[in-house]
Amino acid sequence: MSSAALKPDTQDIVVDSVFPHSPEMLWKTLTTPDLMGRWLMEPTGFEPVAGKRFTYQTKPAGQWDGVIHCEVLEVVPNQRLVHTWQGGSDSNADYGSRLDTIVTWTLTEVPDGTRVRLVHSGFCTPRNDFAYRNMSGGWPKVVETVGALAEVEAK
């Protein structure tokens, strides 16, 4: 059997929006810890530096302590931020099931401002179906909040 046949099926969440802000303003909103806490959760130990490990704390469930472990994989200031998103427990069936995913933020200057593209990739089916469904509804709201905070910060 080939290794491709052994690889689980995965799903990705993609959110693509354009905001009337500069890439620099959106980058600040995406990479400043206190602002991050306003659009998602307050990170512990975050810096936009490749190799930097940080965490988010959310609601624990079952054998999972609620800690989301992240590591910055790539940083191109004002253009691209990539980090891991890992947490959960193999013993949890729905909320808090084991996640080993990647979050990629891409900022592209366009005539009307900046295109923000979020891709949260690697949701294994069926194990991560619950997280995929919930986060598919949540990430669009997060991206809109990023845009709204950039508006406030720009003033």
Protein backbone atom coordinates (compact mmCIF):
# COMPACT_ATOMS: atom_id res chain seq x y z
CA MET A 1 0.00 0.00 0.00
CA SER A 2 1.36 3.45 -0.87
CA SER A 3 2.00 6.14 1.74
CA ALA A 4 -0.68 8.28 0.03
CA ALA A 5 -3.21 5.53 0.71
CA LEU A 6 -2.27 5.58 4.40
CA LYS A 7 -2.58 9.38 4.75
CA PRO A 8 -5.88 10.45 6.30
CA ASP A 9 -8.23 12.68 4.36
CA THR A 10 -8.00 16.29 5.45
CA GLN A 11 -10.10 19.43 5.11
CA ASP A 12 -9.06 23.08 5.10
CA ILE A 13 -10.89 26.21 6.19
CA VAL A 14 -10.32 29.17 3.87
CA VAL A 15 -11.48 32.73 4.57
CA ASP A 16 -10.72 35.48 2.06
CA SER A 17 -11.66 39.13 2.74
CA VAL A 18 -10.56 42.56 1.57
CA PHE A 19 -10.23 45.44 4.03
CA PRO A 20 -9.55 49.13 3.30
CA HIS A 21 -6.38 49.10 5.42
CA SER A 22 -2.68 48.88 4.70
CA PRO A 23 -0.87 45.56 5.07
CA GLU A 24 1.14 47.18 7.88
CA MET A 25 -1.99 48.00 9.91
CA LEU A 26 -3.42 44.51 9.46
CA TRP A 27 -0.04 42.96 10.29
CA LYS A 28 0.05 44.95 13.54
CA THR A 29 -3.43 43.65 14.39
CA LEU A 30 -2.40 40.06 13.62
CA THR A 31 0.91 40.11 15.51
CA THR A 32 0.43 42.31 18.60
CA PRO A 33 -0.41 40.03 21.55
CA ASP A 34 -2.95 42.34 23.25
CA LEU A 35 -4.74 42.87 19.90
CA MET A 36 -4.62 39.11 19.23
CA GLY A 37 -6.45 38.66 22.52
CA ARG A 38 -9.23 40.88 21.19
CA TRP A 39 -9.81 38.92 17.96
CA LEU A 40 -9.13 35.38 19.22
CA MET A 41 -7.49 34.60 22.56
CA GLU A 42 -4.64 36.18 24.48
CA PRO A 43 -1.48 34.29 23.47
CA THR A 44 1.22 33.39 25.96
CA GLY A 45 4.75 33.82 24.64
CA PHE A 46 3.89 34.95 21.11
CA GLU A 47 6.42 36.83 19.00
CA PRO A 48 6.38 36.95 15.19
CA VAL A 49 9.69 35.08 14.97
CA ALA A 50 10.17 31.74 13.21
CA GLY A 51 10.73 28.97 15.73
CA LYS A 52 8.98 30.84 18.56
CA ARG A 53 6.59 28.63 20.54
CA PHE A 54 3.47 30.05 22.14
CA THR A 55 0.13 28.90 23.52
CA TYR A 56 -3.52 29.82 23.73
CA GLN A 57 -5.75 28.69 26.60
CA THR A 58 -9.34 27.68 25.92
CA LYS A 59 -11.96 25.56 27.68
CA PRO A 60 -10.58 22.16 28.82
CA ALA A 61 -12.43 18.97 27.88
CA GLY A 62 -11.93 15.40 29.01
CA GLN A 63 -8.24 14.52 29.02
CA TRP A 64 -7.35 17.79 27.26
CA ASP A 65 -6.23 20.72 29.41
CA GLY A 66 -7.46 23.30 26.87
CA VAL A 67 -3.97 24.42 25.85
CA ILE A 68 -3.40 25.03 22.14
CA HIS A 69 0.30 24.66 21.37
CA CYS A 70 1.65 26.72 18.50
CA GLU A 71 5.00 27.28 16.84
CA VAL A 72 5.71 30.07 14.37
CA LEU A 73 6.88 28.41 11.15
CA GLU A 74 7.21 31.37 8.79
CA VAL A 75 7.23 35.15 9.06
CA VAL A 76 7.33 37.61 6.17
CA PRO A 77 6.47 40.96 7.78
CA ASN A 78 3.32 42.57 6.40
CA GLN A 79 2.77 39.56 4.10
CA ARG A 80 2.69 36.11 5.70
CA LEU A 81 2.46 34.46 9.12
CA VAL A 82 2.32 30.67 9.46
CA HIS A 83 2.07 28.70 12.70
CA THR A 84 1.08 25.30 13.97
CA TRP A 85 -2.14 24.74 15.95
CA GLN A 86 -1.96 21.61 18.09
CA GLY A 87 -3.96 20.38 21.01
CA GLY A 88 -6.66 18.07 22.18
CA SER A 89 -6.56 14.46 23.25
CA ASP A 90 -6.92 11.17 21.42
CA SER A 91 -9.50 10.17 24.05
CA ASN A 92 -11.91 13.01 23.12
CA ALA A 93 -14.44 12.26 20.39
CA ASP A 94 -15.78 15.73 19.59
CA TYR A 95 -14.74 18.94 21.35
CA GLY A 96 -11.09 18.60 22.30
CA SER A 97 -10.22 15.82 19.88
CA ARG A 98 -6.55 15.75 18.85
CA LEU A 99 -5.70 18.53 16.35
CA ASP A 100 -2.43 18.86 14.47
CA THR A 101 -3.06 21.69 12.00
CA ILE A 102 -1.47 24.75 10.38
CA VAL A 103 -2.77 28.34 10.35
CA THR A 104 -1.59 30.57 7.50
CA TRP A 105 -2.32 34.28 7.27
CA THR A 106 -1.48 35.95 3.94
CA LEU A 107 -1.75 39.71 3.34
CA THR A 108 -1.77 40.96 -0.24
CA GLU A 109 -2.01 44.62 -1.18
CA VAL A 110 -4.86 45.25 -3.64
CA PRO A 111 -6.23 48.50 -5.15
CA ASP A 112 -8.92 48.85 -2.44
CA GLY A 113 -6.69 47.94 0.53
CA THR A 114 -5.44 44.55 1.60
CA ARG A 115 -6.69 41.04 0.93
CA VAL A 116 -6.54 38.91 4.08
CA ARG A 117 -6.52 35.19 3.39
CA LEU A 118 -6.66 32.75 6.27
CA VAL A 119 -6.13 29.05 5.65
CA HIS A 120 -6.46 26.67 8.59
CA SER A 121 -5.34 23.37 7.11
CA GLY A 122 -5.03 19.74 8.05
CA PHE A 123 -8.31 18.82 9.77
CA CYS A 124 -8.31 15.00 9.64
CA THR A 125 -11.64 13.40 8.80
CA PRO A 126 -13.57 12.04 10.54
CA ARG A 127 -11.61 12.64 13.80
CA ASN A 128 -11.65 16.47 13.46
CA ASP A 129 -15.10 16.89 11.89
CA PHE A 130 -16.50 18.57 15.02
CA ALA A 131 -13.61 21.09 15.21
CA TYR A 132 -13.80 21.67 11.46
CA ARG A 133 -17.53 22.48 11.59
CA ASN A 134 -17.17 24.80 14.59
CA MET A 135 -14.07 26.57 13.35
CA SER A 136 -15.55 26.92 9.85
CA GLY A 137 -18.20 29.13 11.43
CA GLY A 138 -15.78 30.88 13.77
CA TRP A 139 -12.88 31.86 11.54
CA PRO A 140 -14.96 34.17 9.26
CA LYS A 141 -16.03 36.08 12.38
CA VAL A 142 -12.42 36.26 13.56
CA VAL A 143 -11.25 37.65 10.21
CA GLU A 144 -14.00 40.29 10.28
CA THR A 145 -12.95 41.25 13.81
CA VAL A 146 -9.33 41.59 12.64
CA GLY A 147 -10.54 44.06 10.00
CA ALA A 148 -12.66 45.97 12.52
CA LEU A 149 -9.77 46.23 15.00
CA ALA A 150 -7.44 47.45 12.25
CA GLU A 151 -10.03 50.19 11.57
CA VAL A 152 -10.01 51.22 15.24
CA GLU A 153 -6.20 51.12 15.44
CA ALA A 154 -5.89 53.21 12.27
CA LYS A 155 -7.76 56.12 13.90
